[in-house]
PDB file of N, CA and C in Angstrom:
ATOM      1  N   MET A   1     -11.899   1.329  12.004  1.00  0.00           N
ATOM      2  CA  MET A   1     -10.741   0.584  11.516  1.00  0.00           C
ATOM      3  C   MET A   1      -9.919   1.490  10.608  1.00  0.00           C
ATOM      4  N   ALA A   2      -8.628   1.413  10.724  1.00  0.00           N
ATOM      5  CA  ALA A   2      -7.726   2.212   9.905  1.00  0.00           C
ATOM      6  C   ALA A   2      -7.581   1.579   8.521  1.00  0.00           C
ATOM      7  N   GLN A   3      -7.311   2.428   7.530  1.00  0.00           N
ATOM      8  CA  GLN A   3      -7.140   1.957   6.162  1.00  0.00           C
ATOM      9  C   GLN A   3      -5.966   2.669   5.499  1.00  0.00           C
ATOM     10  N   VAL A   4      -5.405   2.017   4.476  1.00  0.00           N
ATOM     11  CA  VAL A   4      -4.364   2.601   3.634  1.00  0.00           C
ATOM     12  C   VAL A   4      -4.705   2.274   2.188  1.00  0.00           C
ATOM     13  N   VAL A   5      -4.072   3.016   1.266  1.00  0.00           N
ATOM     14  CA  VAL A   5      -4.255   2.761  -0.162  1.00  0.00           C
ATOM     15  C   VAL A   5      -3.120   1.873  -0.643  1.00  0.00           C
ATOM     16  N   ILE A   6      -3.489   0.795  -1.313  1.00  0.00           N
ATOM     17  CA  ILE A   6      -2.542  -0.155  -1.893  1.00  0.00           C
ATOM     18  C   ILE A   6      -2.739  -0.145  -3.407  1.00  0.00           C
ATOM     19  N   ALA A   7      -1.660  -0.398  -4.150  1.00  0.00           N
ATOM     20  CA  ALA A   7      -1.741  -0.442  -5.615  1.00  0.00           C
ATOM     21  C   ALA A   7      -0.589  -1.299  -6.132  1.00  0.00           C
ATOM     22  N   SER A   8      -0.536  -1.476  -7.432  1.00  0.00           N
ATOM     23  CA  SER A   8       0.583  -2.169  -8.071  1.00  0.00           C
ATOM     24  C   SER A   8       1.332  -1.178  -8.944  1.00  0.00           C
ATOM     25  N   ARG A   9       2.649  -1.176  -8.825  1.00  0.00           N
ATOM     26  CA  ARG A   9       3.485  -0.297  -9.636  1.00  0.00           C
ATOM     27  C   ARG A   9       3.641  -0.920 -11.019  1.00  0.00           C
ATOM     28  N   LEU A  10       3.380  -0.148 -12.055  1.00  0.00           N
ATOM     29  CA  LEU A  10       3.407  -0.677 -13.417  1.00  0.00           C
ATOM     30  C   LEU A  10       4.809  -1.013 -13.914  1.00  0.00           C
ATOM     31  N   SER A  11       5.821  -0.324 -13.445  1.00  0.00           N
ATOM     32  CA  SER A  11       7.169  -0.564 -13.966  1.00  0.00           C
ATOM     33  C   SER A  11       7.710  -1.944 -13.631  1.00  0.00           C
ATOM     34  N   ASP A  12       7.293  -2.504 -12.484  1.00  0.00           N
ATOM     35  CA  ASP A  12       7.834  -3.806 -12.091  1.00  0.00           C
ATOM     36  C   ASP A  12       6.821  -4.723 -11.398  1.00  0.00           C
ATOM     37  N   GLY A  13       5.578  -4.266 -11.234  1.00  0.00           N
ATOM     38  CA  GLY A  13       4.540  -5.101 -10.632  1.00  0.00           C
ATOM     39  C   GLY A  13       4.560  -5.158  -9.117  1.00  0.00           C
ATOM     40  N   ARG A  14       5.477  -4.437  -8.480  1.00  0.00           N
ATOM     41  CA  ARG A  14       5.567  -4.476  -7.016  1.00  0.00           C
ATOM     42  C   ARG A  14       4.350  -3.823  -6.378  1.00  0.00           C
ATOM     43  N   VAL A  15       3.987  -4.329  -5.223  1.00  0.00           N
ATOM     44  CA  VAL A  15       2.914  -3.739  -4.427  1.00  0.00           C
ATOM     45  C   VAL A  15       3.461  -2.490  -3.757  1.00  0.00           C
ATOM     46  N   VAL A  16       2.700  -1.397  -3.837  1.00  0.00           N
ATOM     47  CA  VAL A  16       3.109  -0.130  -3.237  1.00  0.00           C
ATOM     48  C   VAL A  16       1.961   0.453  -2.417  1.00  0.00           C
ATOM     49  N   PHE A  17       2.319   1.380  -1.528  1.00  0.00           N
ATOM     50  CA  PHE A  17       1.359   2.010  -0.626  1.00  0.00           C
ATOM     51  C   PHE A  17       1.478   3.519  -0.746  1.00  0.00           C
ATOM     52  N   LEU A  18       0.349   4.207  -0.767  1.00  0.00           N
ATOM     53  CA  LEU A  18       0.357   5.667  -0.834  1.00  0.00           C
ATOM     54  C   LEU A  18       1.021   6.211   0.424  1.00  0.00           C
ATOM     55  N   ALA A  19       2.141   6.923   0.226  1.00  0.00           N
ATOM     56  CA  ALA A  19       2.945   7.365   1.364  1.00  0.00           C
ATOM     57  C   ALA A  19       2.973   8.879   1.537  1.00  0.00           C
ATOM     58  N   GLY A  20       2.526   9.615   0.549  1.00  0.00           N
ATOM     59  CA  GLY A  20       2.548  11.068   0.661  1.00  0.00           C
ATOM     60  C   GLY A  20       2.099  11.713  -0.623  1.00  0.00           C
ATOM     61  N   VAL A  21       1.926  13.024  -0.543  1.00  0.00           N
ATOM     62  CA  VAL A  21       1.552  13.812  -1.709  1.00  0.00           C
ATOM     63  C   VAL A  21       2.413  15.071  -1.702  1.00  0.00           C
ATOM     64  N   ARG A  22       3.123  15.297  -2.775  1.00  0.00           N
ATOM     65  CA  ARG A  22       3.975  16.480  -2.893  1.00  0.00           C
ATOM     66  C   ARG A  22       3.114  17.723  -3.117  1.00  0.00           C
ATOM     67  N   SER A  23       3.701  18.879  -2.931  1.00  0.00           N
ATOM     68  CA  SER A  23       2.975  20.137  -3.145  1.00  0.00           C
ATOM     69  C   SER A  23       2.517  20.274  -4.594  1.00  0.00           C
ATOM     70  N   THR A  24       3.162  19.558  -5.502  1.00  0.00           N
ATOM     71  CA  THR A  24       2.774  19.582  -6.917  1.00  0.00           C
ATOM     72  C   THR A  24       1.576  18.684  -7.198  1.00  0.00           C
ATOM     73  N   GLY A  25       1.147  17.920  -6.193  1.00  0.00           N
ATOM     74  CA  GLY A  25       0.018  17.017  -6.369  1.00  0.00           C
ATOM     75  C   GLY A  25       0.411  15.609  -6.760  1.00  0.00           C
ATOM     76  N   VAL A  26       1.695  15.381  -7.003  1.00  0.00           N
ATOM     77  CA  VAL A  26       2.188  14.053  -7.357  1.00  0.00           C
ATOM     78  C   VAL A  26       2.246  13.185  -6.105  1.00  0.00           C
ATOM     79  N   ALA A  27       1.735  11.984  -6.212  1.00  0.00           N
ATOM     80  CA  ALA A  27       1.724  11.063  -5.079  1.00  0.00           C
ATOM     81  C   ALA A  27       3.070  10.355  -4.950  1.00  0.00           C
ATOM     82  N   ASP A  28       3.452  10.088  -3.722  1.00  0.00           N
ATOM     83  CA  ASP A  28       4.635   9.278  -3.432  1.00  0.00           C
ATOM     84  C   ASP A  28       4.163   7.908  -2.980  1.00  0.00           C
ATOM     85  N   TRP A  29       4.838   6.886  -3.460  1.00  0.00           N
ATOM     86  CA  TRP A  29       4.473   5.497  -3.158  1.00  0.00           C
ATOM     87  C   TRP A  29       5.641   4.812  -2.485  1.00  0.00           C
ATOM     88  N   ALA A  30       5.352   3.996  -1.484  1.00  0.00           N
ATOM     89  CA  ALA A  30       6.390   3.284  -0.728  1.00  0.00           C
ATOM     90  C   ALA A  30       6.211   1.780  -0.884  1.00  0.00           C
ATOM     91  N   LEU A  31       7.303   1.065  -0.781  1.00  0.00           N
ATOM     92  CA  LEU A  31       7.250  -0.396  -0.831  1.00  0.00           C
ATOM     93  C   LEU A  31       6.866  -0.998   0.515  1.00  0.00           C
ATOM     94  N   GLN A  32       7.015  -0.228   1.583  1.00  0.00           N
ATOM     95  CA  GLN A  32       6.747  -0.739   2.925  1.00  0.00           C
ATOM     96  C   GLN A  32       5.411  -0.236   3.450  1.00  0.00           C
ATOM     97  N   LEU A  33       4.615  -1.127   3.996  1.00  0.00           N
ATOM     98  CA  LEU A  33       3.314  -0.780   4.547  1.00  0.00           C
ATOM     99  C   LEU A  33       3.434   0.257   5.662  1.00  0.00           C
ATOM    100  N   ASP A  34       4.459   0.156   6.483  1.00  0.00           N
ATOM    101  CA  ASP A  34       4.617   1.087   7.607  1.00  0.00           C
ATOM    102  C   ASP A  34       4.801   2.537   7.161  1.00  0.00           C
ATOM    103  N   ALA A  35       5.157   2.760   5.907  1.00  0.00           N
ATOM    104  CA  ALA A  35       5.351   4.116   5.394  1.00  0.00           C
ATOM    105  C   ALA A  35       4.057   4.723   4.848  1.00  0.00           C
ATOM    106  N   ALA A  36       2.995   3.940   4.796  1.00  0.00           N
ATOM    107  CA  ALA A  36       1.738   4.392   4.191  1.00  0.00           C
ATOM    108  C   ALA A  36       1.047   5.478   5.006  1.00  0.00           C
ATOM    109  N   LEU A  37       0.353   6.365   4.297  1.00  0.00           N
ATOM    110  CA  LEU A  37      -0.524   7.332   4.957  1.00  0.00           C
ATOM    111  C   LEU A  37      -1.701   6.571   5.529  1.00  0.00           C
ATOM    112  N   LEU A  38      -2.023   6.830   6.773  1.00  0.00           N
ATOM    113  CA  LEU A  38      -3.070   6.092   7.477  1.00  0.00           C
ATOM    114  C   LEU A  38      -4.343   6.925   7.550  1.00  0.00           C
ATOM    115  N   ALA A  39      -5.450   6.318   7.179  1.00  0.00           N
ATOM    116  CA  ALA A  39      -6.760   6.962   7.291  1.00  0.00           C
ATOM    117  C   ALA A  39      -7.484   6.355   8.485  1.00  0.00           C
ATOM    118  N   GLU A  40      -7.808   7.188   9.445  1.00  0.00           N
ATOM    119  CA  GLU A  40      -8.482   6.722  10.659  1.00  0.00           C
ATOM    120  C   GLU A  40     -10.005   6.808  10.560  1.00  0.00           C
ATOM    121  N   ASP A  41     -10.508   7.501   9.515  1.00  0.00           N
ATOM    122  CA  ASP A  41     -11.957   7.598   9.343  1.00  0.00           C
ATOM    123  C   ASP A  41     -12.306   7.495   7.856  1.00  0.00           C
ATOM    124  N   GLU A  42     -13.571   7.325   7.571  1.00  0.00           N
ATOM    125  CA  GLU A  42     -14.027   7.092   6.201  1.00  0.00           C
ATOM    126  C   GLU A  42     -13.755   8.286   5.288  1.00  0.00           C
ATOM    127  N   ALA A  43     -13.930   9.501   5.802  1.00  0.00           N
ATOM    128  CA  ALA A  43     -13.693  10.688   4.977  1.00  0.00           C
ATOM    129  C   ALA A  43     -12.239  10.754   4.517  1.00  0.00           C
ATOM    130  N   ARG A  44     -11.304  10.515   5.444  1.00  0.00           N
ATOM    131  CA  ARG A  44      -9.885  10.532   5.087  1.00  0.00           C
ATOM    132  C   ARG A  44      -9.553   9.374   4.149  1.00  0.00           C
ATOM    133  N   ALA A  45     -10.150   8.221   4.371  1.00  0.00           N
ATOM    134  CA  ALA A  45      -9.919   7.070   3.502  1.00  0.00           C
ATOM    135  C   ALA A  45     -10.336   7.393   2.066  1.00  0.00           C
ATOM    136  N   GLN A  46     -11.487   8.007   1.895  1.00  0.00           N
ATOM    137  CA  GLN A  46     -11.958   8.356   0.562  1.00  0.00           C
ATOM    138  C   GLN A  46     -11.077   9.428  -0.080  1.00  0.00           C
ATOM    139  N   GLU A  47     -10.571  10.343   0.727  1.00  0.00           N
ATOM    140  CA  GLU A  47      -9.652  11.374   0.228  1.00  0.00           C
ATOM    141  C   GLU A  47      -8.374  10.730  -0.298  1.00  0.00           C
ATOM    142  N   LEU A  48      -7.807   9.811   0.467  1.00  0.00           N
ATOM    143  CA  LEU A  48      -6.582   9.128   0.035  1.00  0.00           C
ATOM    144  C   LEU A  48      -6.822   8.270  -1.194  1.00  0.00           C
ATOM    145  N   LEU A  49      -7.961   7.592  -1.238  1.00  0.00           N
ATOM    146  CA  LEU A  49      -8.287   6.774  -2.407  1.00  0.00           C
ATOM    147  C   LEU A  49      -8.410   7.650  -3.652  1.00  0.00           C
ATOM    148  N   ALA A  50      -9.020   8.816  -3.526  1.00  0.00           N
ATOM    149  CA  ALA A  50      -9.160   9.729  -4.662  1.00  0.00           C
ATOM    150  C   ALA A  50      -7.785  10.165  -5.174  1.00  0.00           C
ATOM    151  N   ILE A  51      -6.843  10.372  -4.261  1.00  0.00           N
ATOM    152  CA  ILE A  51      -5.475  10.723  -4.660  1.00  0.00           C
ATOM    153  C   ILE A  51      -4.861   9.577  -5.460  1.00  0.00           C
ATOM    154  N   GLY A  52      -5.016   8.350  -4.970  1.00  0.00           N
ATOM    155  CA  GLY A  52      -4.492   7.185  -5.678  1.00  0.00           C
ATOM    156  C   GLY A  52      -5.125   6.996  -7.044  1.00  0.00           C
ATOM    157  N   GLU A  53      -6.421   7.164  -7.126  1.00  0.00           N
ATOM    158  CA  GLU A  53      -7.124   7.010  -8.405  1.00  0.00           C
ATOM    159  C   GLU A  53      -6.704   8.085  -9.402  1.00  0.00           C
ATOM    160  N   ALA A  54      -6.514   9.318  -8.920  1.00  0.00           N
ATOM    161  CA  ALA A  54      -6.058  10.396  -9.798  1.00  0.00           C
ATOM    162  C   ALA A  54      -4.654  10.106 -10.315  1.00  0.00           C
ATOM    163  N   GLU A  55      -3.810   9.579  -9.445  1.00  0.00           N
ATOM    164  CA  GLU A  55      -2.449   9.222  -9.842  1.00  0.00           C
ATOM    165  C   GLU A  55      -2.467   8.140 -10.917  1.00  0.00           C
ATOM    166  N   ALA A  56      -3.317   7.156 -10.748  1.00  0.00           N
ATOM    167  CA  ALA A  56      -3.417   6.072 -11.735  1.00  0.00           C
ATOM    168  C   ALA A  56      -3.887   6.610 -13.082  1.00  0.00           C
ATOM    169  N   ALA A  57      -4.829   7.527 -13.066  1.00  0.00           N
ATOM    170  CA  ALA A  57      -5.365   8.071 -14.310  1.00  0.00           C
ATOM    171  C   ALA A  57      -4.411   9.062 -14.975  1.00  0.00           C
ATOM    172  N   ARG A  58      -3.784   9.913 -14.168  1.00  0.00           N
ATOM    173  CA  ARG A  58      -2.961  11.002 -14.702  1.00  0.00           C
ATOM    174  C   ARG A  58      -1.572  10.535 -15.119  1.00  0.00           C
ATOM    175  N   ARG A  59      -0.859   9.881 -14.238  1.00  0.00           N
ATOM    176  CA  ARG A  59       0.545   9.550 -14.490  1.00  0.00           C
ATOM    177  C   ARG A  59       0.742   8.126 -14.970  1.00  0.00           C
ATOM    178  N   GLN A  60      -0.204   7.283 -14.694  1.00  0.00           N
ATOM    179  CA  GLN A  60      -0.153   5.877 -15.098  1.00  0.00           C
ATOM    180  C   GLN A  60       1.129   5.175 -14.645  1.00  0.00           C
ATOM    181  N   THR A  61       1.519   5.452 -13.397  1.00  0.00           N
ATOM    182  CA  THR A  61       2.671   4.772 -12.810  1.00  0.00           C
ATOM    183  C   THR A  61       2.228   3.612 -11.926  1.00  0.00           C
ATOM    184  N   ILE A  62       0.965   3.660 -11.497  1.00  0.00           N
ATOM    185  CA  ILE A  62       0.390   2.580 -10.684  1.00  0.00           C
ATOM    186  C   ILE A  62      -0.946   2.175 -11.294  1.00  0.00           C
ATOM    187  N   ILE A  63      -1.434   1.023 -10.857  1.00  0.00           N
ATOM    188  CA  ILE A  63      -2.711   0.524 -11.341  1.00  0.00           C
ATOM    189  C   ILE A  63      -3.507  -0.042 -10.169  1.00  0.00           C
ATOM    190  N   ASP A  64      -4.811   0.054 -10.276  1.00  0.00           N
ATOM    191  CA  ASP A  64      -5.746  -0.567  -9.349  1.00  0.00           C
ATOM    192  C   ASP A  64      -5.547  -0.153  -7.889  1.00  0.00           C
ATOM    193  N   PRO A  65      -5.560   1.139  -7.590  1.00  0.00           N
ATOM    194  CA  PRO A  65      -5.482   1.535  -6.182  1.00  0.00           C
ATOM    195  C   PRO A  65      -6.794   1.220  -5.463  1.00  0.00           C
ATOM    196  N   TYR A  66      -6.691   0.715  -4.253  1.00  0.00           N
ATOM    197  CA  TYR A  66      -7.879   0.466  -3.438  1.00  0.00           C
ATOM    198  C   TYR A  66      -7.501   0.498  -1.971  1.00  0.00           C
ATOM    199  N   LEU A  67      -8.506   0.578  -1.128  1.00  0.00           N
ATOM    200  CA  LEU A  67      -8.299   0.654   0.316  1.00  0.00           C
ATOM    201  C   LEU A  67      -8.218  -0.730   0.929  1.00  0.00           C
ATOM    202  N   ILE A  68      -7.329  -0.889   1.896  1.00  0.00           N
ATOM    203  CA  ILE A  68      -7.290  -2.118   2.691  1.00  0.00           C
ATOM    204  C   ILE A  68      -7.344  -1.747   4.168  1.00  0.00           C
ATOM    205  N   ASP A  69      -7.920  -2.630   4.951  1.00  0.00           N
ATOM    206  CA  ASP A  69      -7.974  -2.450   6.396  1.00  0.00           C
ATOM    207  C   ASP A  69      -6.650  -2.895   6.998  1.00  0.00           C
ATOM    208  N   VAL A  70      -6.165  -2.105   7.948  1.00  0.00           N
ATOM    209  CA  VAL A  70      -4.927  -2.439   8.639  1.00  0.00           C
ATOM    210  C   VAL A  70      -5.114  -2.261  10.139  1.00  0.00           C
ATOM    211  N   ALA A  71      -4.280  -2.954  10.886  1.00  0.00           N
ATOM    212  CA  ALA A  71      -4.273  -2.824  12.343  1.00  0.00           C
ATOM    213  C   ALA A  71      -2.822  -2.690  12.787  1.00  0.00           C
ATOM    214  N   GLU A  72      -2.616  -2.018  13.897  1.00  0.00           N
ATOM    215  CA  GLU A  72      -1.270  -1.898  14.437  1.00  0.00           C
ATOM    216  C   GLU A  72      -1.022  -3.044  15.402  1.00  0.00           C
ATOM    217  N   GLU A  73       0.065  -3.763  15.169  1.00  0.00           N
ATOM    218  CA  GLU A  73       0.461  -4.878  16.031  1.00  0.00           C
ATOM    219  C   GLU A  73       1.953  -4.757  16.301  1.00  0.00           C
ATOM    220  N   GLY A  74       2.308  -4.635  17.546  1.00  0.00           N
ATOM    221  CA  GLY A  74       3.720  -4.547  17.901  1.00  0.00           C
ATOM    222  C   GLY A  74       4.416  -3.341  17.292  1.00  0.00           C
ATOM    223  N   GLY A  75       3.688  -2.246  17.137  1.00  0.00           N
ATOM    224  CA  GLY A  75       4.274  -1.045  16.582  1.00  0.00           C
ATOM    225  C   GLY A  75       4.375  -1.013  15.068  1.00  0.00           C
ATOM    226  N   ARG A  76       3.818  -2.004  14.396  1.00  0.00           N
ATOM    227  CA  ARG A  76       3.858  -2.071  12.935  1.00  0.00           C
ATOM    228  C   ARG A  76       2.454  -2.247  12.391  1.00  0.00           C
ATOM    229  N   LEU A  77       2.242  -1.792  11.163  1.00  0.00           N
ATOM    230  CA  LEU A  77       0.954  -1.991  10.513  1.00  0.00           C
ATOM    231  C   LEU A  77       0.905  -3.376   9.888  1.00  0.00           C
ATOM    232  N   ARG A  78      -0.259  -4.006  10.001  1.00  0.00           N
ATOM    233  CA  ARG A  78      -0.480  -5.326   9.399  1.00  0.00           C
ATOM    234  C   ARG A  78      -1.850  -5.336   8.727  1.00  0.00           C
ATOM    235  N   PRO A  79      -1.944  -5.917   7.525  1.00  0.00           N
ATOM    236  CA  PRO A  79      -3.258  -6.062   6.899  1.00  0.00           C
ATOM    237  C   PRO A  79      -4.132  -6.982   7.754  1.00  0.00           C
ATOM    238  N   THR A  80      -5.427  -6.747   7.763  1.00  0.00           N
ATOM    239  CA  THR A  80      -6.324  -7.573   8.571  1.00  0.00           C
ATOM    240  C   THR A  80      -6.897  -8.750   7.788  1.00  0.00           C
ATOM    241  N   LYS A  81      -6.829  -8.706   6.467  1.00  0.00           N
ATOM    242  CA  LYS A  81      -7.369  -9.795   5.644  1.00  0.00           C
ATOM    243  C   LYS A  81      -6.224 -10.626   5.069  1.00  0.00           C
ATOM    244  N   TYR A  82      -6.425 -11.938   5.027  1.00  0.00           N
ATOM    245  CA  TYR A  82      -5.384 -12.859   4.587  1.00  0.00           C
ATOM    246  C   TYR A  82      -4.925 -12.555   3.159  1.00  0.00           C
ATOM    247  N   ARG A  83      -5.853 -12.202   2.281  1.00  0.00           N
ATOM    248  CA  ARG A  83      -5.504 -11.890   0.889  1.00  0.00           C
ATOM    249  C   ARG A  83      -4.462 -10.778   0.843  1.00  0.00           C
ATOM    250  N   GLU A  84      -4.647  -9.765   1.661  1.00  0.00           N
ATOM    251  CA  GLU A  84      -3.731  -8.634   1.657  1.00  0.00           C
ATOM    252  C   GLU A  84      -2.408  -8.974   2.335  1.00  0.00           C
ATOM    253  N   VAL A  85      -2.433  -9.866   3.301  1.00  0.00           N
ATOM    254  CA  VAL A  85      -1.174 -10.337   3.904  1.00  0.00           C
ATOM    255  C   VAL A  85      -0.318 -10.980   2.821  1.00  0.00           C
ATOM    256  N   ILE A  86      -0.927 -11.852   2.036  1.00  0.00           N
ATOM    257  CA  ILE A  86      -0.205 -12.513   0.945  1.00  0.00           C
ATOM    258  C   ILE A  86       0.289 -11.493  -0.064  1.00  0.00           C
ATOM    259  N   ARG A  87      -0.563 -10.565  -0.431  1.00  0.00           N
ATOM    260  CA  ARG A  87      -0.187  -9.552  -1.425  1.00  0.00           C
ATOM    261  C   ARG A  87       0.980  -8.699  -0.925  1.00  0.00           C
ATOM    262  N   CYS A  88       0.985  -8.379   0.347  1.00  0.00           N
ATOM    263  CA  CYS A  88       2.053  -7.554   0.908  1.00  0.00           C
ATOM    264  C   CYS A  88       3.378  -8.296   1.025  1.00  0.00           C
ATOM    265  N   LEU A  89       3.338  -9.592   1.222  1.00  0.00           N
ATOM    266  CA  LEU A  89       4.566 -10.367   1.443  1.00  0.00           C
ATOM    267  C   LEU A  89       5.136 -10.992   0.182  1.00  0.00           C
ATOM    268  N   GLY A  90       4.285 -11.391  -0.736  1.00  0.00           N
ATOM    269  CA  GLY A  90       4.779 -12.024  -1.951  1.00  0.00           C
ATOM    270  C   GLY A  90       4.300 -13.457  -2.065  1.00  0.00           C
ATOM    271  N   PRO A  91       4.873 -14.210  -3.001  1.00  0.00           N
ATOM    272  CA  PRO A  91       4.411 -15.579  -3.272  1.00  0.00           C
ATOM    273  C   PRO A  91       4.435 -16.462  -2.026  1.00  0.00           C
ATOM    274  N   THR A  92       3.445 -17.319  -1.881  1.00  0.00           N
ATOM    275  CA  THR A  92       3.376 -18.198  -0.716  1.00  0.00           C
ATOM    276  C   THR A  92       4.026 -19.555  -0.974  1.00  0.00           C
ATOM    277  N   ILE A  93       4.320 -19.857  -2.218  1.00  0.00           N
ATOM    278  CA  ILE A  93       4.898 -21.168  -2.508  1.00  0.00           C
ATOM    279  C   ILE A  93       6.421 -21.173  -2.429  1.00  0.00           C
ATOM    280  N   ARG A  94       7.017 -19.983  -2.457  1.00  0.00           N
ATOM    281  CA  ARG A  94       8.475 -19.889  -2.352  1.00  0.00           C
ATOM    282  C   ARG A  94       8.825 -18.777  -1.393  1.00  0.00           C
ATOM    283  N   LEU A  95       9.244 -19.135  -0.209  1.00  0.00           N
ATOM    284  CA  LEU A  95       9.561 -18.151   0.813  1.00  0.00           C
ATOM    285  C   LEU A  95      10.864 -17.414   0.548  1.00  0.00           C
ATOM    286  N   ASP A  96      11.603 -17.831  -0.497  1.00  0.00           N
ATOM    287  CA  ASP A  96      12.836 -17.146  -0.857  1.00  0.00           C
ATOM    288  C   ASP A  96      12.579 -15.992  -1.827  1.00  0.00           C
ATOM    289  N   LEU A  97      11.307 -15.735  -2.140  1.00  0.00           N
ATOM    290  CA  LEU A  97      10.930 -14.627  -3.028  1.00  0.00           C
ATOM    291  C   LEU A  97      10.028 -13.648  -2.273  1.00  0.00           C
ATOM    292  N   GLY A  98       9.934 -12.452  -2.785  1.00  0.00           N
ATOM    293  CA  GLY A  98       9.034 -11.467  -2.186  1.00  0.00           C
ATOM    294  C   GLY A  98       9.608 -10.846  -0.927  1.00  0.00           C
ATOM    295  N   LYS A  99       8.761 -10.114  -0.240  1.00  0.00           N
ATOM    296  CA  LYS A  99       9.220  -9.386   0.945  1.00  0.00           C
ATOM    297  C   LYS A  99       9.548 -10.307   2.105  1.00  0.00           C
ATOM    298  N   GLN A 100       8.925 -11.492   2.178  1.00  0.00           N
ATOM    299  CA  GLN A 100       9.260 -12.394   3.272  1.00  0.00           C
ATOM    300  C   GLN A 100      10.702 -12.882   3.168  1.00  0.00           C
ATOM    301  N   ALA A 101      11.283 -12.867   1.978  1.00  0.00           N
ATOM    302  CA  ALA A 101      12.669 -13.261   1.812  1.00  0.00           C
ATOM    303  C   ALA A 101      13.623 -12.185   2.326  1.00  0.00           C
ATOM    304  N   GLU A 102      13.126 -10.956   2.452  1.00  0.00           N
ATOM    305  CA  GLU A 102      13.949  -9.852   2.909  1.00  0.00           C
ATOM    306  C   GLU A 102      14.039  -9.790   4.425  1.00  0.00           C
ATOM    307  N   GLY A 103      13.246 -10.578   5.123  1.00  0.00           N
ATOM    308  CA  GLY A 103      13.298 -10.618   6.580  1.00  0.00           C
ATOM    309  C   GLY A 103      12.188  -9.823   7.219  1.00  0.00           C
ATOM    310  N   PRO A 104      12.138  -9.840   8.550  1.00  0.00           N
ATOM    311  CA  PRO A 104      11.039  -9.204   9.275  1.00  0.00           C
ATOM    312  C   PRO A 104      10.971  -7.692   9.123  1.00  0.00           C
ATOM    313  N   GLU A 105      12.075  -7.048   8.780  1.00  0.00           N
ATOM    314  CA  GLU A 105      12.042  -5.595   8.608  1.00  0.00           C
ATOM    315  C   GLU A 105      11.426  -5.173   7.291  1.00  0.00           C
ATOM    316  N   ALA A 106      11.164  -6.099   6.395  1.00  0.00           N
ATOM    317  CA  ALA A 106      10.614  -5.793   5.065  1.00  0.00           C
ATOM    318  C   ALA A 106       9.196  -5.325   5.123  1.00  0.00           C
TER     319      ALA A 106
END
């Protein structure tokens, strides 16, 4: 199963995904799941998680990085667990907030 690193951005609380690492070692974070670096095996997943954890400790721009399982559906990545679906989309009680309010491309 494929995995990505998810975290919360401290500046505004938004959910972000590890999307890259610059040559300086600084991690890049994306708001969209489809932009995330994908780990196809456990070794790569642990490598990406270590990058996220180092970023949280060193720069303190994100908090609580962890791995989530994802699957490709219709050419897009989707979380496999309901908790992560909710976390990726936003509040479930108001569909006019969060990423679901931005439409299917969000």
